[in-house]
């Protein structure tokens, strides 16, 4: 791997590999000596493994770190722990990586290194995901229909940012939350479990047929698209294996388009930290359908590409700092079918102040739990 990775990166003239190391102890010495812009880190190393190395990097002189992870339950668990410690992103090794086959990840690795370099100096979300979270049992809840459907799109920097937001939302939140996090197949199930342990809301990896109910968060599985459908037995999730959109499966745009089509004025779109433009067009579709749209402020993103694209296109009604997104959602939508007067605004607003509730709209809005005739 120490020979193959530099060979891949040599293809790009903007990247210079200044050193390699066989384990964490050597890596720490070379980092101090060579002062690199970005570190790629294998979690599986002799003597000092990647987890301890990462802890020391973040303690001594934080740098953007991209992890190499394995496609396994243990690999996913370790990767999520490492992201909580401050790693910017990760890339899953191909199953045949030991045989020298890294071509399938070459372009992705180059792109992620460049993004990590641009993320230098960005304020990372607080690493509040417990390293070994305690097991918590949640009480059985009545499957009430949601007053709103909140769709969240997120990518690079997402695991910590999403946990930070969801941890601020109480168990009796009357909305259903759907999340597309750009993450490979095999990682989203563990991601959902760790979020469930840290949040008052019920969090799980989505399955086709899962009902949209109040207080439930559904995470789209890796390598699937997630859509919603209003059916006779209830509003539900439908998963798809259709072609990637914007180079992604799952794609935020697929979810946003579906939520806009099915729920119109009862839809809320939230676009958070991530590279690229996935979700920007879909946020515009939600806005055009009468729904409410939120973009995370650029200065609080690890990578601002996704929300910035939506903001520049004029698709974000409100721009909200990471620290305020959870509180904003609770303030606006924590009272059941109440609607906020600010939803009628067509212009982005960078302030986070709460708006007064439009009492008249309560009587005019059709509850989303009713079905089409």
Protein backbone atom coordinates (compact mmCIF):
# COMPACT_ATOMS: atom_id res chain seq x y z
CA UNK A 1 0.00 0.00 0.00
CA UNK A 2 2.87 2.38 0.75
CA UNK A 3 4.07 1.92 -2.83
CA UNK A 4 0.70 1.77 -4.58
CA UNK A 5 -0.83 4.90 -3.08
CA UNK A 6 2.05 7.26 -4.04
CA UNK A 7 1.98 5.77 -7.54
CA UNK A 8 -1.71 6.65 -7.86
CA UNK A 9 -1.23 10.16 -6.52
CA UNK A 10 1.72 10.79 -8.86
CA UNK A 11 -0.81 11.01 -11.70
CA UNK A 12 -1.95 14.39 -10.43
CA UNK A 13 0.57 17.20 -10.74
CA UNK A 14 -1.08 19.16 -7.92
CA UNK A 15 -0.28 16.48 -5.33
CA UNK A 16 3.16 15.72 -3.95
CA UNK A 17 3.73 12.77 -1.63
CA UNK A 18 6.35 13.99 0.84
CA UNK A 19 6.69 10.79 2.87
CA UNK A 20 5.35 7.39 3.90
CA UNK A 21 5.48 5.47 7.17
CA UNK A 22 5.06 1.81 8.10
CA UNK A 23 3.27 2.50 11.39
CA UNK A 24 1.87 5.26 13.54
CA UNK A 25 5.02 5.92 15.54
CA UNK A 26 7.04 6.60 12.38
CA UNK A 27 4.14 8.62 10.96
CA UNK A 28 4.09 11.02 13.92
CA UNK A 29 7.82 11.67 13.56
CA UNK A 30 7.51 12.30 9.82
CA UNK A 31 4.50 14.56 10.25
CA UNK A 32 6.49 16.72 12.67
CA UNK A 33 9.45 16.79 10.30
CA UNK A 34 7.71 17.19 6.92
CA UNK A 35 4.66 19.29 7.88
CA UNK A 36 2.26 17.85 5.28
CA UNK A 37 -1.04 19.49 4.28
CA UNK A 38 -2.99 16.21 4.36
CA UNK A 39 -2.44 12.79 5.92
CA UNK A 40 -3.84 9.51 4.61
CA UNK A 41 -4.07 6.98 7.42
CA UNK A 42 -4.65 3.24 7.46
CA UNK A 43 -6.46 2.14 10.59
CA UNK A 44 -4.74 -1.26 10.46
CA UNK A 45 -1.02 -0.84 11.23
CA UNK A 46 1.49 -2.64 13.48
CA UNK A 47 2.94 -1.24 16.71
CA UNK A 48 0.81 1.94 16.83
CA UNK A 49 -2.50 1.56 14.98
CA UNK A 50 -4.38 4.24 13.11
CA UNK A 51 -6.79 5.07 15.93
CA UNK A 52 -4.05 5.95 18.42
CA UNK A 53 -2.12 7.78 15.70
CA UNK A 54 -5.18 9.87 14.90
CA UNK A 55 -5.72 10.74 18.56
CA UNK A 56 -2.16 12.02 18.80
CA UNK A 57 -2.34 13.95 15.52
CA UNK A 58 -5.47 15.75 16.71
CA UNK A 59 -3.97 16.42 20.12
CA UNK A 60 -0.59 17.75 18.92
CA UNK A 61 -1.29 19.61 15.68
CA UNK A 62 -4.63 18.88 13.96
CA UNK A 63 -4.38 18.12 10.24
CA UNK A 64 -6.92 16.99 7.65
CA UNK A 65 -6.84 13.17 7.82
CA UNK A 66 -8.37 10.77 5.29
CA UNK A 67 -8.84 7.22 6.56
CA UNK A 68 -8.46 3.94 4.74
CA UNK A 69 -11.10 1.55 6.00
CA UNK A 70 -12.11 -2.06 5.37
CA UNK A 71 -15.51 -3.26 4.18
CA UNK A 72 -16.49 -5.05 7.38
CA UNK A 73 -18.62 -4.50 10.46
CA UNK A 74 -15.48 -3.96 12.54
CA UNK A 75 -14.05 -1.64 9.89
CA UNK A 76 -17.23 0.46 9.82
CA UNK A 77 -17.27 0.72 13.62
CA UNK A 78 -13.63 1.82 13.76
CA UNK A 79 -14.14 4.31 10.94
CA UNK A 80 -17.04 6.01 12.71
CA UNK A 81 -15.00 6.22 15.91
CA UNK A 82 -12.16 7.81 13.94
CA UNK A 83 -14.49 10.34 12.29
CA UNK A 84 -15.72 11.29 15.77
CA UNK A 85 -12.09 11.90 16.74
CA UNK A 86 -11.71 14.43 13.93
CA UNK A 87 -10.84 12.69 10.65
CA UNK A 88 -12.21 14.65 7.68
CA UNK A 89 -13.29 11.71 5.51
CA UNK A 90 -12.63 8.08 4.70
CA UNK A 91 -12.32 5.78 1.73
CA UNK A 92 -13.10 2.08 1.78
CA UNK A 93 -10.38 -0.22 0.46
CA UNK A 94 -11.41 -2.47 -2.43
CA UNK A 95 -11.82 -6.09 -1.37
CA UNK A 96 -8.82 -7.02 -3.52
CA UNK A 97 -6.60 -4.18 -2.29
CA UNK A 98 -4.09 -6.66 -0.85
CA UNK A 99 -3.45 -7.87 -4.40
CA UNK A 100 -2.58 -4.34 -5.49
CA UNK A 101 -5.89 -3.46 -7.13
CA UNK A 102 -6.60 0.15 -6.23
CA UNK A 103 -7.74 1.46 -9.61
CA UNK A 104 -11.38 1.61 -8.55
CA UNK A 105 -10.62 4.19 -5.84
CA UNK A 106 -7.88 6.18 -7.62
CA UNK A 107 -9.98 9.14 -8.78
CA UNK A 108 -11.97 9.25 -5.55
CA UNK A 109 -8.80 9.31 -3.45
CA UNK A 110 -7.31 12.17 -5.50
CA UNK A 111 -10.54 14.18 -5.21
CA UNK A 112 -10.80 13.62 -1.46
CA UNK A 113 -7.22 14.69 -0.85
CA UNK A 114 -7.83 17.96 -2.71
CA UNK A 115 -11.03 18.56 -0.77
CA UNK A 116 -9.24 17.81 2.51
CA UNK A 117 -6.58 20.38 1.67
CA UNK A 118 -9.27 23.02 1.09
CA UNK A 119 -10.83 22.05 4.41
CA UNK A 120 -7.67 23.10 6.27
CA UNK A 121 -8.60 25.67 8.87
CA UNK A 122 -12.32 24.92 8.67
CA UNK A 123 -13.96 24.51 12.02
CA UNK A 124 -14.90 20.86 12.43
CA UNK A 125 -18.16 19.93 14.16
CA UNK A 126 -17.75 18.97 17.80
CA UNK A 127 -16.76 15.30 18.13
CA UNK A 128 -19.60 14.51 20.50
CA UNK A 129 -20.24 10.96 19.32
CA UNK A 130 -19.13 8.79 22.27
CA UNK A 131 -16.17 6.57 21.47
CA UNK A 132 -17.99 3.68 23.17
CA UNK A 133 -21.59 4.86 23.46
CA UNK A 134 -23.72 3.32 26.21
CA UNK A 135 -26.62 1.10 25.31
CA UNK A 136 -29.92 2.89 25.81
CA UNK A 137 -33.39 1.39 25.62
CA UNK A 138 -36.09 3.67 24.27
CA UNK A 139 -39.74 3.36 25.15
CA UNK A 140 -42.28 2.12 22.62
CA UNK A 141 -43.89 5.03 20.77
CA UNK A 142 -47.18 5.30 18.95
CA UNK A 143 -46.60 5.49 15.16
CA UNK A 144 -48.20 8.89 14.65
CA UNK A 145 -48.19 10.47 11.19
CA UNK A 146 -45.68 13.34 10.93
CA UNK A 147 -46.63 16.99 10.67
CA UNK A 148 -43.69 17.59 8.32
CA UNK A 149 -41.23 15.48 6.34
CA UNK A 150 -37.70 16.83 6.77
CA UNK A 151 -35.17 15.64 4.17
CA UNK A 152 -31.47 16.15 4.95
CA UNK A 153 -28.65 15.85 2.41
CA UNK A 154 -25.08 15.68 3.69
CA UNK A 155 -21.65 14.38 2.69
CA UNK A 156 -18.05 15.18 3.71
CA UNK A 157 -17.98 16.17 7.38
CA UNK A 158 -21.45 14.75 7.77
CA UNK A 159 -21.25 12.10 10.51
CA UNK A 160 -20.26 14.53 13.28
CA UNK A 161 -22.41 17.38 11.95
CA UNK A 162 -25.48 15.18 11.66
CA UNK A 163 -25.04 13.75 15.14
CA UNK A 164 -24.64 17.27 16.51
CA UNK A 165 -27.93 18.36 14.93
CA UNK A 166 -29.98 15.27 15.80
CA UNK A 167 -28.80 15.29 19.42
CA UNK A 168 -30.52 18.67 19.87
CA UNK A 169 -33.97 17.35 18.85
CA UNK A 170 -36.29 15.91 21.53
CA UNK A 171 -38.00 12.53 21.41
CA UNK A 172 -41.47 14.04 20.93
CA UNK A 173 -40.49 15.86 17.72
CA UNK A 174 -43.60 15.59 15.52
CA UNK A 175 -41.76 15.33 12.19
CA UNK A 176 -40.25 12.47 10.22
CA UNK A 177 -36.60 12.90 9.20
CA UNK A 178 -35.01 11.30 6.13
CA UNK A 179 -31.24 11.45 5.60
CA UNK A 180 -29.02 10.85 2.60
CA UNK A 181 -25.41 10.72 3.79
CA UNK A 182 -22.87 9.91 1.07
CA UNK A 183 -21.41 6.73 2.53
CA UNK A 184 -20.49 3.34 1.04
CA UNK A 185 -22.59 0.21 1.36
CA UNK A 186 -21.91 -1.59 4.62
CA UNK A 187 -21.27 1.57 6.66
CA UNK A 188 -24.74 3.12 6.94
CA UNK A 189 -26.20 0.41 9.18
CA UNK A 190 -23.50 0.94 11.80
CA UNK A 191 -23.79 4.71 11.34
CA UNK A 192 -27.52 4.57 12.05
CA UNK A 193 -26.99 2.41 15.14
CA UNK A 194 -24.43 4.80 16.60
CA UNK A 195 -26.72 7.79 15.96
CA UNK A 196 -29.59 5.93 17.61
CA UNK A 197 -27.47 5.44 20.73
CA UNK A 198 -26.67 9.15 20.88
CA UNK A 199 -30.05 10.69 20.11
CA UNK A 200 -33.49 10.87 21.71
CA UNK A 201 -35.04 10.22 18.30
CA UNK A 202 -35.37 6.70 16.90
CA UNK A 203 -32.70 6.28 14.19
CA UNK A 204 -32.39 3.28 11.85
CA UNK A 205 -31.19 2.36 8.39
CA UNK A 206 -34.12 2.64 5.99
CA UNK A 207 -35.81 -0.37 4.40
CA UNK A 208 -38.36 -0.32 1.61
CA UNK A 209 -41.80 -0.08 3.19
CA UNK A 210 -40.68 1.71 6.36
CA UNK A 211 -43.42 4.12 7.41
CA UNK A 212 -42.78 7.81 7.92
CA UNK A 213 -43.77 8.51 11.52
CA UNK A 214 -43.14 11.25 14.05
CA UNK A 215 -39.84 11.09 15.90
CA UNK A 216 -38.22 8.62 13.49
CA UNK A 217 -35.03 9.20 11.50
CA UNK A 218 -34.33 6.95 8.52
CA UNK A 219 -30.81 6.81 7.05
CA UNK A 220 -30.58 5.84 3.38
CA UNK A 221 -28.52 2.65 2.89
CA UNK A 222 -25.25 2.93 1.01
CA UNK A 223 -25.49 2.16 -2.73
CA UNK A 224 -29.29 2.66 -2.81
CA UNK A 225 -31.47 5.63 -3.68
CA UNK A 226 -34.24 6.64 -1.26
CA UNK A 227 -37.63 7.99 -2.29
CA UNK A 228 -41.00 8.44 -0.59
CA UNK A 229 -44.49 7.36 -1.61
CA UNK A 230 -47.94 8.09 -0.21
CA UNK A 231 -49.73 4.75 -0.05
CA UNK A 232 -53.11 3.59 1.32
CA UNK A 233 -51.52 2.07 4.43
CA UNK A 234 -49.36 5.12 5.10
CA UNK A 235 -46.54 7.30 3.80
CA UNK A 236 -43.45 5.18 3.29
CA UNK A 237 -39.90 4.87 2.04
CA UNK A 238 -39.08 3.15 -1.26
CA UNK A 239 -35.48 2.15 -2.06
CA UNK A 240 -34.13 1.90 -5.60
CA UNK A 241 -31.10 0.49 -7.41
CA UNK A 242 -31.40 2.89 -10.36
CA UNK A 243 -28.32 4.54 -11.85
CA UNK A 244 -26.23 7.02 -9.85
CA UNK A 245 -27.26 10.68 -10.02
CA UNK A 246 -24.60 13.41 -9.86
CA UNK A 247 -22.13 10.54 -9.52
CA UNK A 248 -23.78 9.37 -6.30
CA UNK A 249 -25.92 6.50 -5.12
CA UNK A 250 -27.52 7.44 -2.82
CA UNK A 251 -28.19 10.88 -4.26
CA UNK A 252 -29.60 13.79 -2.30
CA UNK A 253 -31.32 15.09 -5.43
CA UNK A 254 -33.31 11.86 -5.79
CA UNK A 255 -34.66 12.19 -2.24
CA UNK A 256 -35.37 15.92 -2.52
CA UNK A 257 -37.26 15.54 -5.82
CA UNK A 258 -39.38 12.75 -4.36
CA UNK A 259 -40.19 14.61 -1.13
CA UNK A 260 -41.15 17.72 -3.10
CA UNK A 261 -43.44 15.74 -5.40
CA UNK A 262 -45.20 13.82 -2.63
CA UNK A 263 -45.41 16.40 0.17
CA UNK A 264 -45.08 19.84 -1.47
CA UNK A 265 -45.79 22.50 1.23
CA UNK A 266 -45.24 19.95 4.02
CA UNK A 267 -41.68 19.24 2.82
CA UNK A 268 -38.56 20.71 4.42
CA UNK A 269 -35.18 20.37 2.70
CA UNK A 270 -31.89 20.80 4.59
CA UNK A 271 -28.59 20.78 2.70
CA UNK A 272 -25.47 20.48 4.84
CA UNK A 273 -21.70 20.10 4.58
CA UNK A 274 -20.33 18.20 1.58
CA UNK A 275 -18.34 18.35 -1.64
CA UNK A 276 -19.93 18.77 -5.06
CA UNK A 277 -23.42 19.98 -5.94
CA UNK A 278 -25.64 17.01 -5.14
CA UNK A 279 -28.89 18.27 -3.65
CA UNK A 280 -28.69 21.87 -4.88
CA UNK A 281 -31.17 21.36 -7.72
CA UNK A 282 -33.44 19.24 -5.53
CA UNK A 283 -33.54 21.95 -2.88
CA UNK A 284 -34.84 24.29 -5.58
CA UNK A 285 -37.56 21.79 -6.46
CA UNK A 286 -38.70 21.67 -2.81
CA UNK A 287 -38.81 25.47 -2.72
CA UNK A 288 -40.77 25.61 -6.00
CA UNK A 289 -43.28 23.11 -4.58
CA UNK A 290 -43.97 25.43 -1.65
CA UNK A 291 -41.76 23.66 0.87
CA UNK A 292 -39.17 25.29 3.11
CA UNK A 293 -35.44 25.10 2.38
CA UNK A 294 -32.39 25.48 4.62
CA UNK A 295 -28.67 25.52 3.79
CA UNK A 296 -25.89 25.21 6.34
CA UNK A 297 -23.75 28.35 6.47
CA UNK A 298 -20.50 28.01 4.55
CA UNK A 299 -18.26 29.04 7.44
CA UNK A 300 -19.55 26.17 9.61
CA UNK A 301 -19.11 23.47 6.93
CA UNK A 302 -16.10 21.18 6.72
CA UNK A 303 -16.61 21.40 2.94
CA UNK A 304 -19.10 23.99 1.71
CA UNK A 305 -19.65 22.80 -1.87
CA UNK A 306 -23.19 21.39 -1.58
CA UNK A 307 -24.86 24.17 0.43
CA UNK A 308 -22.88 26.86 -1.39
CA UNK A 309 -24.21 25.63 -4.75
CA UNK A 310 -27.78 25.89 -3.46
CA UNK A 311 -27.20 29.33 -1.94
CA UNK A 312 -25.71 30.69 -5.18
CA UNK A 313 -28.69 29.37 -7.15
CA UNK A 314 -31.07 31.11 -4.76
CA UNK A 315 -32.64 27.84 -3.59
CA UNK A 316 -32.05 28.33 0.14
CA UNK A 317 -34.76 30.29 1.94
CA UNK A 318 -32.70 30.36 5.12
CA UNK A 319 -28.95 29.99 5.73
CA UNK A 320 -28.30 28.65 9.23
CA UNK A 321 -25.09 27.93 11.17
CA UNK A 322 -24.48 24.32 12.18
CA UNK A 323 -24.92 25.13 15.87
CA UNK A 324 -28.39 26.53 15.21
CA UNK A 325 -29.89 24.00 12.78
CA UNK A 326 -31.27 21.64 15.42
CA UNK A 327 -32.77 24.46 17.47
CA UNK A 328 -34.17 26.05 14.31
CA UNK A 329 -35.98 22.85 13.33
CA UNK A 330 -37.40 22.41 16.84
CA UNK A 331 -38.53 26.04 17.03
CA UNK A 332 -40.13 26.00 13.60
CA UNK A 333 -41.61 22.50 13.49
CA UNK A 334 -41.68 21.21 17.07
CA UNK A 335 -45.31 22.19 17.58
CA UNK A 336 -47.03 19.69 15.35
CA UNK A 337 -48.99 21.18 12.45
CA UNK A 338 -47.99 24.76 13.15
CA UNK A 339 -46.48 26.56 10.21
CA UNK A 340 -44.14 29.49 10.36
CA UNK A 341 -44.66 32.79 8.65
CA UNK A 342 -41.03 32.77 7.45
CA UNK A 343 -41.89 29.87 5.10
CA UNK A 344 -43.62 32.37 2.86
CA UNK A 345 -40.38 34.21 2.23
CA UNK A 346 -38.74 33.60 -1.15
CA UNK A 347 -35.39 35.14 -0.26
CA UNK A 348 -32.44 33.61 1.60
CA UNK A 349 -32.04 35.06 5.07
CA UNK A 350 -28.77 34.65 6.95
CA UNK A 351 -30.24 35.49 10.34
CA UNK A 352 -31.26 32.69 12.70
CA UNK A 353 -33.93 34.56 14.58
CA UNK A 354 -37.25 32.82 15.18
CA UNK A 355 -40.26 34.12 13.28
CA UNK A 356 -43.79 34.54 14.63
CA UNK A 357 -46.20 31.71 13.91
CA UNK A 358 -48.77 32.40 11.21
CA UNK A 359 -51.90 31.24 13.03
CA UNK A 360 -54.09 31.54 9.96
CA UNK A 361 -52.03 29.04 8.02
CA UNK A 362 -52.91 26.28 10.47
CA UNK A 363 -56.47 26.23 9.22
CA UNK A 364 -55.49 26.49 5.58
CA UNK A 365 -52.94 23.65 5.49
CA UNK A 366 -54.08 20.14 4.61
CA UNK A 367 -52.58 17.59 7.05
CA UNK A 368 -50.05 15.42 5.24
CA UNK A 369 -51.40 12.28 6.88
CA UNK A 370 -54.50 12.49 4.69
CA UNK A 371 -54.23 10.62 1.37
CA UNK A 372 -54.95 11.64 -2.17
CA UNK A 373 -58.37 10.81 -3.49
